[in-house]
Amino acid sequence: MDVLLLMDSMTRFAMAQREVGLSVGEPPATKGYTPSVFALMPRLLERAGATEKGSITGFYTVLVEGDDMADPVSDAARGLLDGHIVLSRRMASQNIYPSIDVLASKSRVMIEIVQPEHQQAAGEFTSLAAAYEESADLIQVGAYVRGSDARVDRAVELRPKILGYLRQGVREGITYEAAVTALQDDVLSAAAAAPGPPRPAAAPPRPAAPGARPAAPRRA
C-alpha cells in the first residue's frame, strides 16, 4: 500500500512539544525550543519512506517568522527531509502563483528519479533564473550594460518565458510530461536561440607617422 501523508503543520507540533517540555522542567534551548522538540522531530519525520510492503510519502508544512529560513524548526526539518519547497511572499506580491522560489527549493532525490535530459533542463533553468537574480538590482535601475555578461544577457532575454513557465492558474491543470516538455521545448530551446552579446568591432589601423619608413617584410 502506498500512502500520501499531509501534515499541517510541523511548526505547531514543535510548539506543542515545547510547551510540554517546559511544563516538565526542560530548559529552553534554541529560540525557546526545548531539546525534546529536536529529539521528537526525527522520530516523526523518518517514519515516512519506502519498505517492501509499500511507501509513505509525506508533505509537512513549516511556518517561519518573517521569512527567516534559519528558524530552528525549519532548519531541523531541512536536514531530515529529502527536499523542501519554499514559498515566497515577494513572488506572491508580483502575482506569481504558485509562489514557489525555485532557487531556494531543493530536492535531494531528483537525480535518482528523473531522466538525465530533465535534470539537465532543470539545471539550465535554475542557472538562468539565478543569473537574473544576481543582477536584478542593476537591471531594474537601468545600470546593467548589455554585453557585460553573456549569461545575464540570456537571462534578461528569457525573463518573460521563465516567469510564464512558473505561473499556473488556479483552475489550470497540467501533466508531469507536459511540464517537462514545456521546459525543454519552450524555455530552453529559446535559451539556445537567444542572441549573445555583440562582438566588439575591430579597431581601425593606426595611420603611419609623417616621414616614417614602411617596415620591411619579414622572411619566412
C-alpha atoms as a PDB file:
ATOM      1  CA  MET A   1       0.000   0.000   0.000  1.00  0.00           C
ATOM      2  CA  ASP A   2       1.247   3.471  -0.919  1.00  0.00           C
ATOM      3  CA  VAL A   3       0.144   6.346   1.321  1.00  0.00           C
ATOM      4  CA  LEU A   4       0.305  10.118   0.834  1.00  0.00           C
ATOM      5  CA  LEU A   5       0.602  11.888   4.217  1.00  0.00           C
ATOM      6  CA  LEU A   6      -0.160  15.605   4.547  1.00  0.00           C
ATOM      7  CA  MET A   7       0.660  17.282   7.867  1.00  0.00           C
ATOM      8  CA  ASP A   8      -0.157  20.883   8.767  1.00  0.00           C
ATOM      9  CA  SER A   9       1.964  21.847  10.429  1.00  0.00           C
ATOM     10  CA  MET A  10       5.335  20.773  11.748  1.00  0.00           C
ATOM     11  CA  THR A  11       5.692  24.132  13.450  1.00  0.00           C
ATOM     12  CA  ARG A  12       2.562  23.644  15.576  1.00  0.00           C
ATOM     13  CA  PHE A  13       3.772  20.180  16.534  1.00  0.00           C
ATOM     14  CA  ALA A  14       7.081  21.685  17.675  1.00  0.00           C
ATOM     15  CA  MET A  15       5.324  24.451  19.621  1.00  0.00           C
ATOM     16  CA  ALA A  16       3.094  21.936  21.389  1.00  0.00           C
ATOM     17  CA  GLN A  17       6.080  19.791  22.349  1.00  0.00           C
ATOM     18  CA  ARG A  18       7.891  22.904  23.574  1.00  0.00           C
ATOM     19  CA  GLU A  19       5.013  23.644  25.954  1.00  0.00           C
ATOM     20  CA  VAL A  20       5.089  20.048  27.215  1.00  0.00           C
ATOM     21  CA  GLY A  21       8.847  20.202  27.699  1.00  0.00           C
ATOM     22  CA  LEU A  22       8.732  23.488  29.580  1.00  0.00           C
ATOM     23  CA  SER A  23       5.945  22.220  31.813  1.00  0.00           C
ATOM     24  CA  VAL A  24       8.066  19.266  32.973  1.00  0.00           C
ATOM     25  CA  GLY A  25      11.127  21.426  33.630  1.00  0.00           C
ATOM     26  CA  GLU A  26      13.148  21.158  30.411  1.00  0.00           C
ATOM     27  CA  PRO A  27      15.435  24.125  29.861  1.00  0.00           C
ATOM     28  CA  PRO A  28      14.741  26.239  26.773  1.00  0.00           C
ATOM     29  CA  ALA A  29      17.424  25.868  24.138  1.00  0.00           C
ATOM     30  CA  THR A  30      17.412  27.318  20.611  1.00  0.00           C
ATOM     31  CA  LYS A  31      14.958  30.258  20.442  1.00  0.00           C
ATOM     32  CA  GLY A  32      12.983  28.848  23.352  1.00  0.00           C
ATOM     33  CA  TYR A  33      12.521  25.354  21.914  1.00  0.00           C
ATOM     34  CA  THR A  34      13.359  22.555  24.328  1.00  0.00           C
ATOM     35  CA  PRO A  35      15.743  19.675  23.469  1.00  0.00           C
ATOM     36  CA  SER A  36      12.847  17.212  23.306  1.00  0.00           C
ATOM     37  CA  VAL A  37      11.475  19.036  20.249  1.00  0.00           C
ATOM     38  CA  PHE A  38      14.538  18.198  18.181  1.00  0.00           C
ATOM     39  CA  ALA A  39      14.603  14.654  19.573  1.00  0.00           C
ATOM     40  CA  LEU A  40      10.995  14.017  18.516  1.00  0.00           C
ATOM     41  CA  MET A  41      11.217  15.531  15.034  1.00  0.00           C
ATOM     42  CA  PRO A  42      13.404  12.757  13.547  1.00  0.00           C
ATOM     43  CA  ARG A  43      11.147  10.092  15.096  1.00  0.00           C
ATOM     44  CA  LEU A  44       8.141  11.651  13.380  1.00  0.00           C
ATOM     45  CA  LEU A  45       9.608  12.640  10.017  1.00  0.00           C
ATOM     46  CA  GLU A  46      11.623   9.482   9.416  1.00  0.00           C
ATOM     47  CA  ARG A  47       8.528   7.302   9.639  1.00  0.00           C
ATOM     48  CA  ALA A  48       7.860   8.250   6.020  1.00  0.00           C
ATOM     49  CA  GLY A  49       9.730   6.270   3.400  1.00  0.00           C
ATOM     50  CA  ALA A  50       9.635   3.094   1.333  1.00  0.00           C
ATOM     51  CA  THR A  51       9.539  -0.517   2.544  1.00  0.00           C
ATOM     52  CA  GLU A  52       8.920  -3.881   0.907  1.00  0.00           C
ATOM     53  CA  LYS A  53       5.201  -3.611   1.721  1.00  0.00           C
ATOM     54  CA  GLY A  54       4.626  -0.077   0.488  1.00  0.00           C
ATOM     55  CA  SER A  55       5.599   3.524   0.984  1.00  0.00           C
ATOM     56  CA  ILE A  56       4.625   6.707   2.818  1.00  0.00           C
ATOM     57  CA  THR A  57       5.246   9.983   1.034  1.00  0.00           C
ATOM     58  CA  GLY A  58       4.971  12.857   3.478  1.00  0.00           C
ATOM     59  CA  PHE A  59       4.413  16.567   2.908  1.00  0.00           C
ATOM     60  CA  TYR A  60       4.942  18.671   6.032  1.00  0.00           C
ATOM     61  CA  THR A  61       4.305  22.404   6.209  1.00  0.00           C
ATOM     62  CA  VAL A  62       6.703  24.543   8.236  1.00  0.00           C
ATOM     63  CA  LEU A  63       5.893  28.141   9.176  1.00  0.00           C
ATOM     64  CA  VAL A  64       8.730  30.627   9.600  1.00  0.00           C
ATOM     65  CA  GLU A  65       8.639  34.043  11.234  1.00  0.00           C
ATOM     66  CA  GLY A  66       9.473  36.958   8.972  1.00  0.00           C
ATOM     67  CA  ASP A  67      10.788  34.714   6.166  1.00  0.00           C
ATOM     68  CA  ASP A  68      13.625  33.638   8.464  1.00  0.00           C
ATOM     69  CA  MET A  69      14.874  30.414   6.878  1.00  0.00           C
ATOM     70  CA  ALA A  70      17.268  29.964   9.810  1.00  0.00           C
ATOM     71  CA  ASP A  71      14.311  29.269  12.106  1.00  0.00           C
ATOM     72  CA  PRO A  72      15.224  26.251  14.310  1.00  0.00           C
ATOM     73  CA  VAL A  73      12.264  24.099  13.228  1.00  0.00           C
ATOM     74  CA  SER A  74      12.744  24.934   9.555  1.00  0.00           C
ATOM     75  CA  ASP A  75      16.473  24.303   9.769  1.00  0.00           C
ATOM     76  CA  ALA A  76      15.999  20.945  11.500  1.00  0.00           C
ATOM     77  CA  ALA A  77      13.323  19.844   9.020  1.00  0.00           C
ATOM     78  CA  ARG A  78      15.550  20.646   6.025  1.00  0.00           C
ATOM     79  CA  GLY A  79      18.237  18.437   7.482  1.00  0.00           C
ATOM     80  CA  LEU A  80      15.851  15.496   7.858  1.00  0.00           C
ATOM     81  CA  LEU A  81      13.681  15.613   4.740  1.00  0.00           C
ATOM     82  CA  ASP A  82      14.545  14.649   1.154  1.00  0.00           C
ATOM     83  CA  GLY A  83      13.662  18.100  -0.154  1.00  0.00           C
ATOM     84  CA  HIS A  84      11.847  21.330   0.543  1.00  0.00           C
ATOM     85  CA  ILE A  85       9.564  23.704  -1.365  1.00  0.00           C
ATOM     86  CA  VAL A  86       9.906  27.338  -0.291  1.00  0.00           C
ATOM     87  CA  LEU A  87       7.002  29.740  -0.815  1.00  0.00           C
ATOM     88  CA  SER A  88       7.958  33.368  -1.363  1.00  0.00           C
ATOM     89  CA  ARG A  89       5.999  36.440  -0.250  1.00  0.00           C
ATOM     90  CA  ARG A  90       7.935  38.506  -2.778  1.00  0.00           C
ATOM     91  CA  MET A  91       6.776  36.329  -5.662  1.00  0.00           C
ATOM     92  CA  ALA A  92       3.199  36.405  -4.379  1.00  0.00           C
ATOM     93  CA  SER A  93       3.331  40.217  -4.337  1.00  0.00           C
ATOM     94  CA  GLN A  94       4.345  40.036  -8.029  1.00  0.00           C
ATOM     95  CA  ASN A  95       1.222  37.942  -8.780  1.00  0.00           C
ATOM     96  CA  ILE A  96       3.290  34.824  -9.476  1.00  0.00           C
ATOM     97  CA  TYR A  97       1.294  31.798  -8.350  1.00  0.00           C
ATOM     98  CA  PRO A  98       2.119  29.242  -7.169  1.00  0.00           C
ATOM     99  CA  SER A  99       4.694  31.474  -5.473  1.00  0.00           C
ATOM    100  CA  ILE A 100       7.447  28.845  -5.312  1.00  0.00           C
ATOM    101  CA  ASP A 101      11.002  30.138  -5.005  1.00  0.00           C
ATOM    102  CA  VAL A 102      12.799  27.679  -7.278  1.00  0.00           C
ATOM    103  CA  LEU A 103      16.216  28.959  -6.225  1.00  0.00           C
ATOM    104  CA  ALA A 104      15.583  28.302  -2.534  1.00  0.00           C
ATOM    105  CA  SER A 105      13.779  24.985  -3.101  1.00  0.00           C
ATOM    106  CA  LYS A 106      15.798  21.774  -3.342  1.00  0.00           C
ATOM    107  CA  SER A 107      15.361  18.045  -3.921  1.00  0.00           C
ATOM    108  CA  ARG A 108      17.989  15.531  -2.859  1.00  0.00           C
ATOM    109  CA  VAL A 109      16.385  12.663  -4.772  1.00  0.00           C
ATOM    110  CA  MET A 110      15.634  14.367  -8.097  1.00  0.00           C
ATOM    111  CA  ILE A 111      18.746  12.988  -9.741  1.00  0.00           C
ATOM    112  CA  GLU A 112      17.578   9.461  -8.881  1.00  0.00           C
ATOM    113  CA  ILE A 113      14.010   9.714 -10.184  1.00  0.00           C
ATOM    114  CA  VAL A 114      14.134  11.828 -13.370  1.00  0.00           C
ATOM    115  CA  GLN A 115      15.706  11.350 -16.775  1.00  0.00           C
ATOM    116  CA  PRO A 116      19.126  12.954 -17.455  1.00  0.00           C
ATOM    117  CA  GLU A 117      17.550  15.292 -20.031  1.00  0.00           C
ATOM    118  CA  HIS A 118      15.093  16.546 -17.427  1.00  0.00           C
ATOM    119  CA  GLN A 119      17.878  17.027 -14.885  1.00  0.00           C
ATOM    120  CA  GLN A 120      19.943  18.989 -17.394  1.00  0.00           C
ATOM    121  CA  ALA A 121      16.975  21.147 -18.386  1.00  0.00           C
ATOM    122  CA  ALA A 122      16.125  21.934 -14.753  1.00  0.00           C
ATOM    123  CA  GLY A 123      19.745  22.876 -14.077  1.00  0.00           C
ATOM    124  CA  GLU A 124      19.835  25.235 -17.056  1.00  0.00           C
ATOM    125  CA  PHE A 125      16.531  26.811 -15.997  1.00  0.00           C
ATOM    126  CA  THR A 126      17.829  27.369 -12.448  1.00  0.00           C
ATOM    127  CA  SER A 127      21.077  28.816 -13.785  1.00  0.00           C
ATOM    128  CA  LEU A 128      19.222  31.379 -15.901  1.00  0.00           C
ATOM    129  CA  ALA A 129      16.936  32.328 -13.009  1.00  0.00           C
ATOM    130  CA  ALA A 130      19.928  32.722 -10.684  1.00  0.00           C
ATOM    131  CA  ALA A 131      21.794  34.851 -13.218  1.00  0.00           C
ATOM    132  CA  TYR A 132      18.903  37.313 -13.358  1.00  0.00           C
ATOM    133  CA  GLU A 133      18.520  37.475  -9.564  1.00  0.00           C
ATOM    134  CA  GLU A 134      22.238  38.172  -9.090  1.00  0.00           C
ATOM    135  CA  SER A 135      21.988  41.285 -11.272  1.00  0.00           C
ATOM    136  CA  ALA A 136      18.346  42.196 -10.579  1.00  0.00           C
ATOM    137  CA  ASP A 137      19.183  45.454  -8.783  1.00  0.00           C
ATOM    138  CA  LEU A 138      21.356  46.701 -11.648  1.00  0.00           C
ATOM    139  CA  ILE A 139      18.800  45.632 -14.252  1.00  0.00           C
ATOM    140  CA  GLN A 140      15.865  47.313 -12.535  1.00  0.00           C
ATOM    141  CA  VAL A 141      17.623  50.684 -12.156  1.00  0.00           C
ATOM    142  CA  GLY A 142      18.961  50.540 -15.720  1.00  0.00           C
ATOM    143  CA  ALA A 143      22.610  50.333 -14.665  1.00  0.00           C
ATOM    144  CA  TYR A 144      23.297  46.958 -16.285  1.00  0.00           C
ATOM    145  CA  VAL A 145      25.123  47.257 -19.627  1.00  0.00           C
ATOM    146  CA  ARG A 146      24.195  44.636 -22.180  1.00  0.00           C
ATOM    147  CA  GLY A 147      27.227  42.625 -23.190  1.00  0.00           C
ATOM    148  CA  SER A 148      28.842  42.674 -19.755  1.00  0.00           C
ATOM    149  CA  ASP A 149      27.864  39.043 -19.074  1.00  0.00           C
ATOM    150  CA  ALA A 150      26.508  36.664 -21.728  1.00  0.00           C
ATOM    151  CA  ARG A 151      24.696  34.581 -19.120  1.00  0.00           C
ATOM    152  CA  VAL A 152      22.861  37.624 -17.722  1.00  0.00           C
ATOM    153  CA  ASP A 153      22.027  38.788 -21.254  1.00  0.00           C
ATOM    154  CA  ARG A 154      20.292  35.469 -21.968  1.00  0.00           C
ATOM    155  CA  ALA A 155      18.509  35.596 -18.609  1.00  0.00           C
ATOM    156  CA  VAL A 156      17.133  39.068 -19.363  1.00  0.00           C
ATOM    157  CA  GLU A 157      16.062  37.969 -22.846  1.00  0.00           C
ATOM    158  CA  LEU A 158      14.223  34.935 -21.489  1.00  0.00           C
ATOM    159  CA  ARG A 159      12.772  36.525 -18.341  1.00  0.00           C
ATOM    160  CA  PRO A 160       9.185  36.639 -19.718  1.00  0.00           C
ATOM    161  CA  LYS A 161       9.348  32.943 -20.690  1.00  0.00           C
ATOM    162  CA  ILE A 162      10.785  31.966 -17.289  1.00  0.00           C
ATOM    163  CA  LEU A 163       8.034  33.809 -15.409  1.00  0.00           C
ATOM    164  CA  GLY A 164       5.414  32.404 -17.768  1.00  0.00           C
ATOM    165  CA  TYR A 165       6.603  28.887 -17.041  1.00  0.00           C
ATOM    166  CA  LEU A 166       6.435  29.466 -13.273  1.00  0.00           C
ATOM    167  CA  ARG A 167       2.856  30.776 -13.397  1.00  0.00           C
ATOM    168  CA  GLN A 168      -0.135  28.448 -13.274  1.00  0.00           C
ATOM    169  CA  GLY A 169      -3.792  29.355 -12.915  1.00  0.00           C
ATOM    170  CA  VAL A 170      -5.896  28.044 -10.052  1.00  0.00           C
ATOM    171  CA  ARG A 171      -8.117  26.098 -12.454  1.00  0.00           C
ATOM    172  CA  GLU A 172      -5.309  25.227 -14.847  1.00  0.00           C
ATOM    173  CA  GLY A 173      -4.159  21.616 -14.890  1.00  0.00           C
ATOM    174  CA  ILE A 174      -1.003  20.215 -16.447  1.00  0.00           C
ATOM    175  CA  THR A 175       0.529  16.768 -16.506  1.00  0.00           C
ATOM    176  CA  TYR A 176       4.089  15.964 -15.459  1.00  0.00           C
ATOM    177  CA  GLU A 177       5.003  15.029 -19.034  1.00  0.00           C
ATOM    178  CA  ALA A 178       3.605  18.297 -20.402  1.00  0.00           C
ATOM    179  CA  ALA A 179       5.537  20.325 -17.815  1.00  0.00           C
ATOM    180  CA  VAL A 180       8.821  18.639 -18.748  1.00  0.00           C
ATOM    181  CA  THR A 181       8.141  19.087 -22.467  1.00  0.00           C
ATOM    182  CA  ALA A 182       7.340  22.783 -21.980  1.00  0.00           C
ATOM    183  CA  LEU A 183      10.580  23.245 -20.040  1.00  0.00           C
ATOM    184  CA  GLN A 184      12.715  21.580 -22.688  1.00  0.00           C
ATOM    185  CA  ASP A 185      10.987  22.755 -25.878  1.00  0.00           C
ATOM    186  CA  ASP A 186       9.743  26.204 -24.925  1.00  0.00           C
ATOM    187  CA  VAL A 187      12.104  27.770 -22.396  1.00  0.00           C
ATOM    188  CA  LEU A 188      15.395  26.018 -23.140  1.00  0.00           C
ATOM    189  CA  SER A 189      15.026  25.956 -26.915  1.00  0.00           C
ATOM    190  CA  ALA A 190      14.601  29.720 -26.693  1.00  0.00           C
ATOM    191  CA  ALA A 191      17.684  29.858 -24.450  1.00  0.00           C
ATOM    192  CA  ALA A 192      19.733  28.102 -27.115  1.00  0.00           C
ATOM    193  CA  ALA A 193      18.470  30.555 -29.758  1.00  0.00           C
ATOM    194  CA  ALA A 194      18.890  33.673 -27.631  1.00  0.00           C
ATOM    195  CA  PRO A 195      21.489  36.019 -29.120  1.00  0.00           C
ATOM    196  CA  GLY A 196      24.683  36.517 -27.212  1.00  0.00           C
ATOM    197  CA  PRO A 197      26.351  39.854 -26.559  1.00  0.00           C
ATOM    198  CA  PRO A 198      27.547  41.768 -29.640  1.00  0.00           C
ATOM    199  CA  ARG A 199      31.203  41.293 -30.519  1.00  0.00           C
ATOM    200  CA  PRO A 200      33.274  44.476 -30.354  1.00  0.00           C
ATOM    201  CA  ALA A 201      34.277  45.870 -33.710  1.00  0.00           C
ATOM    202  CA  ALA A 202      37.915  45.625 -34.720  1.00  0.00           C
ATOM    203  CA  ALA A 203      39.885  48.800 -34.178  1.00  0.00           C
ATOM    204  CA  PRO A 204      40.946  50.546 -37.421  1.00  0.00           C
ATOM    205  CA  PRO A 205      44.687  50.529 -38.239  1.00  0.00           C
ATOM    206  CA  ARG A 206      46.627  53.470 -36.898  1.00  0.00           C
ATOM    207  CA  PRO A 207      47.981  55.808 -39.592  1.00  0.00           C
ATOM    208  CA  ALA A 208      51.722  55.963 -40.036  1.00  0.00           C
ATOM    209  CA  ALA A 209      53.550  58.981 -38.682  1.00  0.00           C
ATOM    210  CA  PRO A 210      54.694  61.562 -41.268  1.00  0.00           C
ATOM    211  CA  GLY A 211      58.070  60.679 -42.732  1.00  0.00           C
ATOM    212  CA  ALA A 212      58.087  57.193 -41.265  1.00  0.00           C
ATOM    213  CA  ARG A 213      59.561  54.427 -43.421  1.00  0.00           C
ATOM    214  CA  PRO A 214      57.406  51.372 -44.057  1.00  0.00           C
ATOM    215  CA  ALA A 215      58.504  48.265 -42.221  1.00  0.00           C
ATOM    216  CA  ALA A 216      60.487  45.779 -44.255  1.00  0.00           C
ATOM    217  CA  PRO A 217      58.734  42.474 -44.934  1.00  0.00           C
ATOM    218  CA  ARG A 218      59.943  39.535 -42.807  1.00  0.00           C
ATOM    219  CA  ARG A 219      61.228  36.376 -44.388  1.00  0.00           C
ATOM    220  CA  ALA A 220      59.549  33.138 -43.563  1.00  0.00           C
END
